[in-house]
């Protein structure tokens, strides 16, 4: 007992505390150096781990997106089913959620694939004739200026010869490489499909045991952090869940409305490939800020090949539609769900889109909103600890009058 008390006294010694802190800092520095020095091995191991865990990541994402629907369906089944079979409400809800997912994917496939195939075939058949017609129209407009007409004709002939040389000297000799690349691409597609199928199975297990997993996660959290920090982290996780749910569900509804409005306009204006264009516009609208441009530019070019005037009309319509969406439809559905300024929305899309690609552009805004909220709370906590009032650093709404 005396030895234990003596150890406690020694640990309270500032010299020993300094030595322990120095040793910990040195160990962390060595660990960081080893990680940086072996970054290739670390990144390779990380990619390998992500490849192995990819079905579980896909399954977790699917389960998270379907969880609100599953909860609503379970409450509905609990009210509808007789008392004897109410215990099956969760299973029925999971089945309904998975059927809904399969139906949405099936509808997207049957809407996009045939239209895309038809568009590609039409494009390959009509592009040469459209190019010739375009050049004839240009030359007709330049009849009065033979110098400019000669330059345009020379540029066109050079481009045509360069294209023919690329076909004969580059594309055909490298056909074997292209075929092997196609084989690799098919293998990658099959791998993704298998991972997605396994992910759906994982999602079913996650949805079925979602309450059990939540209870286990709370037990692990509180066992590591204790009551105080456990409550803080649980509240922050609840805020993150609310942020992601409100943003993603609102964006899906908003994009569906935009897609339907675009389809109705394309039907009335007799736009080519109306269904394909509208689906692409709706899907890309999920991405904040850049989404409308990502979808509108290639679709305008697709329409331009068949009818330049309709392409111009479509571009003007998309600009008007996005203004209506950004100022009326979007705010009504989403509200101020993230609380971020336009600058931080742009920052989040650029950073997370650069790191995670297309998925990062979608989840970047709510994810950064959570990070922003955590930093804001830490800053306020630091100011309160130093007895500094927040109002001291508040930005006035208006400049003071002179």
Protein backbone atom coordinates (compact mmCIF):
# COMPACT_ATOMS: atom_id res chain seq x y z
CA UNK A 1 0.00 0.00 0.00
CA UNK A 2 2.87 2.32 0.85
CA UNK A 3 4.50 1.51 -2.50
CA UNK A 4 1.28 2.41 -4.33
CA UNK A 5 1.07 5.77 -2.55
CA UNK A 6 4.72 6.41 -3.36
CA UNK A 7 4.06 5.68 -7.04
CA UNK A 8 1.15 8.10 -7.04
CA UNK A 9 3.38 10.78 -5.60
CA UNK A 10 6.05 10.07 -8.19
CA UNK A 11 3.57 10.27 -11.05
CA UNK A 12 2.46 13.67 -9.81
CA UNK A 13 6.06 14.84 -10.11
CA UNK A 14 6.27 17.38 -12.96
CA UNK A 15 9.59 15.95 -14.17
CA UNK A 16 8.07 12.51 -14.63
CA UNK A 17 5.04 14.02 -16.38
CA UNK A 18 7.36 15.88 -18.72
CA UNK A 19 9.33 12.74 -19.49
CA UNK A 20 6.14 10.77 -20.22
CA UNK A 21 4.83 13.57 -22.45
CA UNK A 22 8.15 13.76 -24.29
CA UNK A 23 8.23 10.01 -24.75
CA UNK A 24 4.67 10.04 -26.11
CA UNK A 25 5.46 12.89 -28.52
CA UNK A 26 8.62 11.10 -29.71
CA UNK A 27 6.71 7.86 -30.24
CA UNK A 28 4.03 9.67 -32.26
CA UNK A 29 6.71 11.45 -34.32
CA UNK A 30 8.43 8.12 -35.10
CA UNK A 31 5.10 6.54 -36.02
CA UNK A 32 4.23 9.47 -38.31
CA UNK A 33 7.67 9.27 -39.95
CA UNK A 34 7.26 5.54 -40.58
CA UNK A 35 3.83 6.11 -42.08
CA UNK A 36 5.09 8.86 -44.39
CA UNK A 37 8.23 6.93 -45.33
CA UNK A 38 6.17 3.86 -46.22
CA UNK A 39 3.29 5.76 -47.76
CA UNK A 40 3.18 3.51 -50.84
CA UNK A 41 2.80 0.41 -48.67
CA UNK A 42 0.23 2.14 -46.46
CA UNK A 43 -1.83 3.37 -49.44
CA UNK A 44 -1.63 -0.04 -51.08
CA UNK A 45 -2.82 -1.69 -47.87
CA UNK A 46 -5.60 0.87 -47.55
CA UNK A 47 -6.77 0.24 -51.13
CA UNK A 48 -6.68 -3.50 -50.50
CA UNK A 49 -8.74 -3.10 -47.33
CA UNK A 50 -11.25 -0.88 -49.14
CA UNK A 51 -11.50 -3.46 -51.94
CA UNK A 52 -12.27 -6.19 -49.43
CA UNK A 53 -14.73 -4.06 -47.47
CA UNK A 54 -16.40 -2.56 -50.54
CA UNK A 55 -19.50 -4.82 -50.40
CA UNK A 56 -20.01 -3.86 -46.74
CA UNK A 57 -19.54 -0.16 -47.54
CA UNK A 58 -22.09 -0.42 -50.38
CA UNK A 59 -24.45 -2.38 -48.15
CA UNK A 60 -24.13 0.14 -45.32
CA UNK A 61 -24.84 3.05 -47.68
CA UNK A 62 -27.91 1.28 -49.13
CA UNK A 63 -29.18 0.43 -45.65
CA UNK A 64 -28.72 4.03 -44.50
CA UNK A 65 -30.65 5.40 -47.48
CA UNK A 66 -33.47 2.86 -47.03
CA UNK A 67 -33.66 3.16 -43.24
CA UNK A 68 -36.26 6.00 -43.16
CA UNK A 69 -38.49 4.09 -45.58
CA UNK A 70 -38.02 0.89 -43.58
CA UNK A 71 -38.96 2.60 -40.30
CA UNK A 72 -42.09 4.15 -41.86
CA UNK A 73 -43.13 0.83 -43.41
CA UNK A 74 -42.63 -0.99 -40.10
CA UNK A 75 -44.85 1.50 -38.25
CA UNK A 76 -47.49 1.08 -40.96
CA UNK A 77 -47.36 -2.72 -40.75
CA UNK A 78 -47.58 -2.61 -36.93
CA UNK A 79 -50.85 -0.70 -37.25
CA UNK A 80 -52.19 -2.88 -40.08
CA UNK A 81 -51.22 -6.43 -39.07
CA UNK A 82 -53.14 -8.50 -36.52
CA UNK A 83 -51.63 -8.92 -33.07
CA UNK A 84 -50.48 -12.48 -33.73
CA UNK A 85 -48.19 -11.57 -36.63
CA UNK A 86 -47.06 -8.08 -35.59
CA UNK A 87 -43.64 -9.57 -34.85
CA UNK A 88 -43.22 -9.97 -38.61
CA UNK A 89 -43.65 -6.23 -39.21
CA UNK A 90 -39.90 -5.64 -39.35
CA UNK A 91 -39.39 -8.41 -41.90
CA UNK A 92 -42.20 -7.11 -44.11
CA UNK A 93 -40.77 -3.58 -43.88
CA UNK A 94 -37.32 -4.79 -44.94
CA UNK A 95 -38.85 -6.69 -47.88
CA UNK A 96 -40.81 -3.63 -49.01
CA UNK A 97 -37.69 -1.46 -48.80
CA UNK A 98 -35.59 -3.86 -50.88
CA UNK A 99 -38.38 -4.27 -53.46
CA UNK A 100 -38.61 -0.47 -53.70
CA UNK A 101 -34.84 -0.25 -54.32
CA UNK A 102 -34.91 -2.97 -57.00
CA UNK A 103 -37.89 -1.30 -58.70
CA UNK A 104 -36.15 2.09 -58.82
CA UNK A 105 -32.96 0.58 -60.26
CA UNK A 106 -34.95 -1.44 -62.81
CA UNK A 107 -36.92 1.62 -63.94
CA UNK A 108 -33.73 3.65 -64.34
CA UNK A 109 -32.14 0.87 -66.39
CA UNK A 110 -35.08 0.41 -68.75
CA UNK A 111 -35.37 4.18 -69.17
CA UNK A 112 -31.68 4.95 -69.73
CA UNK A 113 -30.15 1.93 -71.54
CA UNK A 114 -32.51 1.74 -74.58
CA UNK A 115 -32.50 5.51 -75.01
CA UNK A 116 -28.71 5.63 -74.69
CA UNK A 117 -28.26 2.84 -77.25
CA UNK A 118 -30.65 4.55 -79.68
CA UNK A 119 -28.84 7.87 -79.22
CA UNK A 120 -25.43 6.32 -79.91
CA UNK A 121 -26.67 4.52 -83.04
CA UNK A 122 -28.37 7.67 -84.32
CA UNK A 123 -25.29 9.71 -83.59
CA UNK A 124 -22.96 7.38 -85.50
CA UNK A 125 -25.35 7.30 -88.47
CA UNK A 126 -26.10 11.01 -88.70
CA UNK A 127 -22.89 12.67 -87.49
CA UNK A 128 -21.01 12.61 -90.83
CA UNK A 129 -24.04 13.98 -92.71
CA UNK A 130 -24.61 16.61 -90.02
CA UNK A 131 -20.95 17.67 -90.22
CA UNK A 132 -21.15 18.00 -94.01
CA UNK A 133 -24.39 19.98 -93.74
CA UNK A 134 -22.84 22.24 -91.11
CA UNK A 135 -19.84 22.95 -93.34
CA UNK A 136 -22.07 23.68 -96.33
CA UNK A 137 -24.06 26.17 -94.27
CA UNK A 138 -20.85 27.83 -93.09
CA UNK A 139 -19.47 28.07 -96.61
CA UNK A 140 -22.78 29.48 -97.84
CA UNK A 141 -22.66 32.20 -95.19
CA UNK A 142 -19.06 33.02 -96.16
CA UNK A 143 -19.64 33.28 -99.91
CA UNK A 144 -18.96 37.01 -99.82
CA UNK A 145 -15.59 36.55 -98.10
CA UNK A 146 -13.45 34.10 -100.02
CA UNK A 147 -10.42 34.54 -97.72
CA UNK A 148 -12.27 33.45 -94.55
CA UNK A 149 -14.07 30.72 -96.50
CA UNK A 150 -10.69 29.39 -97.66
CA UNK A 151 -9.36 29.35 -94.10
CA UNK A 152 -12.45 27.51 -92.83
CA UNK A 153 -12.28 24.99 -95.65
CA UNK A 154 -8.57 24.40 -95.04
CA UNK A 155 -9.19 23.82 -91.32
CA UNK A 156 -12.01 21.40 -92.11
CA UNK A 157 -9.89 19.44 -94.60
CA UNK A 158 -6.99 19.25 -92.13
CA UNK A 159 -9.29 17.97 -89.39
CA UNK A 160 -10.79 15.37 -91.73
CA UNK A 161 -7.34 14.15 -92.82
CA UNK A 162 -6.14 14.02 -89.21
CA UNK A 163 -9.20 11.96 -88.30
CA UNK A 164 -8.61 9.56 -91.20
CA UNK A 165 -4.93 9.20 -90.26
CA UNK A 166 -5.89 8.50 -86.64
CA UNK A 167 -8.30 5.77 -87.77
CA UNK A 168 -5.83 4.10 -90.14
CA UNK A 169 -2.53 4.57 -88.30
CA UNK A 170 -3.52 4.60 -84.64
CA UNK A 171 -6.90 3.06 -83.95
CA UNK A 172 -6.72 -0.03 -86.17
CA UNK A 173 -3.13 -1.07 -85.18
CA UNK A 174 -4.00 -0.64 -81.50
CA UNK A 175 -7.22 -2.62 -81.76
CA UNK A 176 -5.75 -5.56 -79.86
CA UNK A 177 -4.85 -3.28 -76.96
CA UNK A 178 -8.34 -1.78 -77.01
CA UNK A 179 -9.91 -5.25 -76.98
CA UNK A 180 -7.80 -6.28 -73.99
CA UNK A 181 -8.79 -3.00 -72.30
CA UNK A 182 -12.45 -3.78 -72.97
CA UNK A 183 -11.92 -7.19 -71.37
CA UNK A 184 -10.45 -5.53 -68.30
CA UNK A 185 -13.35 -3.08 -68.21
CA UNK A 186 -15.88 -5.92 -68.42
CA UNK A 187 -14.10 -7.67 -65.57
CA UNK A 188 -14.26 -4.50 -63.48
CA UNK A 189 -17.97 -4.08 -64.25
CA UNK A 190 -18.67 -7.69 -63.25
CA UNK A 191 -16.70 -7.15 -60.02
CA UNK A 192 -18.74 -4.04 -59.20
CA UNK A 193 -21.99 -5.89 -59.95
CA UNK A 194 -21.00 -8.75 -57.64
CA UNK A 195 -20.04 -6.31 -54.91
CA UNK A 196 -23.37 -4.54 -55.35
CA UNK A 197 -25.33 -7.80 -55.12
CA UNK A 198 -23.44 -8.74 -51.94
CA UNK A 199 -23.99 -5.17 -50.73
CA UNK A 200 -27.77 -5.58 -51.12
CA UNK A 201 -27.59 -8.76 -49.03
CA UNK A 202 -25.54 -6.89 -46.42
CA UNK A 203 -28.12 -4.10 -46.48
CA UNK A 204 -30.89 -6.61 -45.74
CA UNK A 205 -29.00 -7.84 -42.66
CA UNK A 206 -28.28 -4.26 -41.58
CA UNK A 207 -31.92 -3.23 -41.91
CA UNK A 208 -33.17 -6.34 -40.12
CA UNK A 209 -30.84 -5.83 -37.16
CA UNK A 210 -30.65 -2.03 -37.19
CA UNK A 211 -31.87 -1.66 -33.60
CA UNK A 212 -29.49 -4.32 -32.35
CA UNK A 213 -26.57 -2.69 -34.13
CA UNK A 214 -27.54 0.72 -32.71
CA UNK A 215 -27.67 -0.66 -29.18
CA UNK A 216 -24.32 -2.39 -29.59
CA UNK A 217 -22.75 0.78 -31.00
CA UNK A 218 -23.97 2.75 -27.95
CA UNK A 219 -22.53 0.12 -25.60
CA UNK A 220 -19.14 0.28 -27.33
CA UNK A 221 -19.20 4.09 -27.37
CA UNK A 222 -20.00 4.50 -23.67
CA UNK A 223 -17.59 1.76 -22.65
CA UNK A 224 -14.73 3.67 -24.32
CA UNK A 225 -15.62 7.30 -23.69
CA UNK A 226 -17.71 7.27 -20.52
CA UNK A 227 -21.03 8.97 -19.88
CA UNK A 228 -20.08 12.63 -20.51
CA UNK A 229 -18.20 12.25 -23.77
CA UNK A 230 -20.54 9.47 -24.84
CA UNK A 231 -23.50 11.85 -24.59
CA UNK A 232 -21.59 14.51 -26.54
CA UNK A 233 -20.61 12.12 -29.34
CA UNK A 234 -24.10 10.60 -29.48
CA UNK A 235 -25.66 14.06 -29.85
CA UNK A 236 -23.19 14.91 -32.62
CA UNK A 237 -23.95 11.62 -34.38
CA UNK A 238 -27.66 12.43 -34.14
CA UNK A 239 -27.01 15.85 -35.66
CA UNK A 240 -25.01 14.25 -38.49
CA UNK A 241 -27.79 11.72 -39.12
CA UNK A 242 -30.41 14.49 -39.20
CA UNK A 243 -28.23 16.58 -41.53
CA UNK A 244 -27.63 13.75 -44.01
CA UNK A 245 -31.23 12.55 -43.94
CA UNK A 246 -32.78 15.97 -44.46
CA UNK A 247 -30.31 16.96 -47.17
CA UNK A 248 -30.30 13.72 -49.19
CA UNK A 249 -34.05 13.06 -48.96
CA UNK A 250 -34.80 16.67 -49.86
CA UNK A 251 -32.35 16.57 -52.77
CA UNK A 252 -33.88 13.35 -54.13
CA UNK A 253 -37.39 14.85 -54.04
CA UNK A 254 -36.17 18.12 -55.57
CA UNK A 255 -34.30 16.30 -58.36
CA UNK A 256 -37.33 14.11 -59.12
CA UNK A 257 -39.50 17.23 -59.52
CA UNK A 258 -36.89 18.86 -61.79
CA UNK A 259 -36.68 15.70 -63.91
CA UNK A 260 -40.47 15.54 -64.34
CA UNK A 261 -40.70 19.24 -65.27
CA UNK A 262 -37.85 18.79 -67.78
CA UNK A 263 -39.56 15.73 -69.30
CA UNK A 264 -42.87 17.56 -69.72
CA UNK A 265 -41.09 20.46 -71.43
CA UNK A 266 -39.13 18.12 -73.73
CA UNK A 267 -42.36 16.36 -74.74
CA UNK A 268 -44.16 19.64 -75.45
CA UNK A 269 -41.18 21.10 -77.35
CA UNK A 270 -40.61 17.77 -79.19
CA UNK A 271 -37.00 17.51 -78.07
CA UNK A 272 -35.05 14.44 -79.23
CA UNK A 273 -34.24 11.79 -76.59
CA UNK A 274 -36.66 13.40 -74.14
CA UNK A 275 -36.61 10.58 -71.57
CA UNK A 276 -32.82 10.19 -71.54
CA UNK A 277 -32.26 13.95 -71.30
CA UNK A 278 -34.74 14.35 -68.44
CA UNK A 279 -33.36 11.43 -66.41
CA UNK A 280 -29.79 12.74 -66.75
CA UNK A 281 -30.90 16.26 -65.78
CA UNK A 282 -32.73 14.88 -62.72
CA UNK A 283 -29.83 12.68 -61.59
CA UNK A 284 -27.15 15.34 -61.95
CA UNK A 285 -29.36 17.88 -60.16
CA UNK A 286 -28.62 15.94 -56.94
CA UNK A 287 -25.17 17.55 -57.00
CA UNK A 288 -25.41 21.04 -55.52
CA UNK A 289 -24.15 24.05 -57.46
CA UNK A 290 -22.40 22.20 -60.34
CA UNK A 291 -25.07 19.55 -60.97
CA UNK A 292 -27.23 21.54 -63.39
CA UNK A 293 -24.21 22.36 -65.58
CA UNK A 294 -22.86 18.80 -65.46
CA UNK A 295 -26.13 17.49 -66.87
CA UNK A 296 -27.15 20.37 -69.13
CA UNK A 297 -23.94 20.74 -71.16
CA UNK A 298 -23.69 17.18 -72.60
CA UNK A 299 -27.47 16.98 -73.09
CA UNK A 300 -27.43 20.29 -74.99
CA UNK A 301 -24.63 18.95 -77.21
CA UNK A 302 -26.65 15.77 -77.80
CA UNK A 303 -29.63 17.83 -78.94
CA UNK A 304 -27.35 20.17 -80.93
CA UNK A 305 -26.28 17.33 -83.22
CA UNK A 306 -29.87 16.78 -84.35
CA UNK A 307 -31.32 20.30 -84.13
CA UNK A 308 -29.22 23.39 -83.22
CA UNK A 309 -32.28 25.62 -82.68
CA UNK A 310 -33.83 23.15 -80.23
CA UNK A 311 -30.49 22.92 -78.43
CA UNK A 312 -30.55 26.70 -77.92
CA UNK A 313 -34.14 26.55 -76.66
CA UNK A 314 -33.23 23.71 -74.31
CA UNK A 315 -30.24 25.62 -72.91
CA UNK A 316 -32.41 28.68 -72.23
CA UNK A 317 -35.05 26.48 -70.58
CA UNK A 318 -32.46 24.83 -68.31
CA UNK A 319 -31.16 28.24 -67.21
CA UNK A 320 -34.70 29.36 -66.34
CA UNK A 321 -35.51 26.03 -64.65
CA UNK A 322 -32.40 26.15 -62.48
CA UNK A 323 -33.21 29.70 -61.41
CA UNK A 324 -36.70 28.56 -60.39
CA UNK A 325 -35.24 25.55 -58.60
CA UNK A 326 -32.56 27.54 -56.81
CA UNK A 327 -34.91 30.33 -55.67
CA UNK A 328 -38.31 28.65 -55.26
CA UNK A 329 -38.47 24.83 -55.43
CA UNK A 330 -35.19 24.02 -53.66
CA UNK A 331 -35.65 26.39 -50.68
CA UNK A 332 -39.25 25.20 -50.21
CA UNK A 333 -38.16 21.53 -50.03
CA UNK A 334 -34.73 21.79 -48.43
CA UNK A 335 -35.06 25.02 -46.47
CA UNK A 336 -31.75 26.02 -44.89
CA UNK A 337 -30.91 22.40 -44.13
CA UNK A 338 -27.15 22.85 -43.93
CA UNK A 339 -26.77 26.40 -42.66
CA UNK A 340 -23.70 26.89 -44.87
CA UNK A 341 -22.97 29.96 -46.94
CA UNK A 342 -22.52 29.69 -50.72
CA UNK A 343 -18.74 29.94 -50.31
CA UNK A 344 -18.58 26.91 -48.00
CA UNK A 345 -20.96 24.95 -50.25
CA UNK A 346 -18.60 25.56 -53.18
CA UNK A 347 -15.59 24.70 -51.00
CA UNK A 348 -17.15 21.44 -49.82
CA UNK A 349 -18.07 20.34 -53.34
CA UNK A 350 -14.60 21.08 -54.71
CA UNK A 351 -12.69 19.41 -51.86
CA UNK A 352 -14.79 16.29 -51.35
CA UNK A 353 -15.45 15.95 -55.08
CA UNK A 354 -11.70 16.01 -55.69
CA UNK A 355 -11.09 13.37 -53.02
CA UNK A 356 -14.09 11.04 -53.47
CA UNK A 357 -15.26 11.86 -56.99
CA UNK A 358 -18.96 11.88 -57.88
CA UNK A 359 -20.05 10.51 -54.49
CA UNK A 360 -17.99 13.20 -52.75
CA UNK A 361 -19.82 15.92 -54.68
CA UNK A 362 -23.14 14.56 -53.37
CA UNK A 363 -22.24 13.96 -49.70
CA UNK A 364 -19.67 16.77 -49.47
CA UNK A 365 -22.12 19.49 -48.40
CA UNK A 366 -23.80 17.65 -45.48
CA UNK A 367 -20.46 16.16 -44.42
CA UNK A 368 -18.79 19.56 -44.32
CA UNK A 369 -21.85 20.95 -42.47
CA UNK A 370 -21.19 18.39 -39.72
CA UNK A 371 -17.48 19.29 -39.60
CA UNK A 372 -18.41 22.98 -39.54
CA UNK A 373 -20.79 22.37 -36.62
CA UNK A 374 -18.12 20.50 -34.64
CA UNK A 375 -15.55 23.25 -35.19
CA UNK A 376 -18.09 25.91 -34.25
CA UNK A 377 -18.88 24.14 -30.98
CA UNK A 378 -15.17 23.71 -30.18
CA UNK A 379 -14.52 27.41 -30.84
CA UNK A 380 -17.43 28.47 -28.65
CA UNK A 381 -16.24 26.12 -25.93
CA UNK A 382 -12.74 27.61 -26.14
CA UNK A 383 -14.10 31.16 -25.91
CA UNK A 384 -16.26 30.25 -22.92
CA UNK A 385 -13.29 28.61 -21.18
CA UNK A 386 -11.30 31.83 -21.57
CA UNK A 387 -14.30 33.94 -20.47
CA UNK A 388 -14.52 35.72 -23.85
CA UNK A 389 -17.97 36.72 -25.05
CA UNK A 390 -18.95 35.65 -28.57
CA UNK A 391 -20.56 39.04 -29.22
CA UNK A 392 -17.12 40.63 -29.10
CA UNK A 393 -16.32 39.03 -32.48
CA UNK A 394 -19.76 39.33 -34.06
CA UNK A 395 -19.86 40.88 -37.54
CA UNK A 396 -22.30 43.81 -37.73
CA UNK A 397 -25.10 43.42 -40.26
CA UNK A 398 -24.61 46.94 -41.53
CA UNK A 399 -21.70 49.34 -41.58
CA UNK A 400 -21.96 52.07 -38.94
CA UNK A 401 -23.25 55.38 -40.17
CA UNK A 402 -20.77 58.19 -40.38
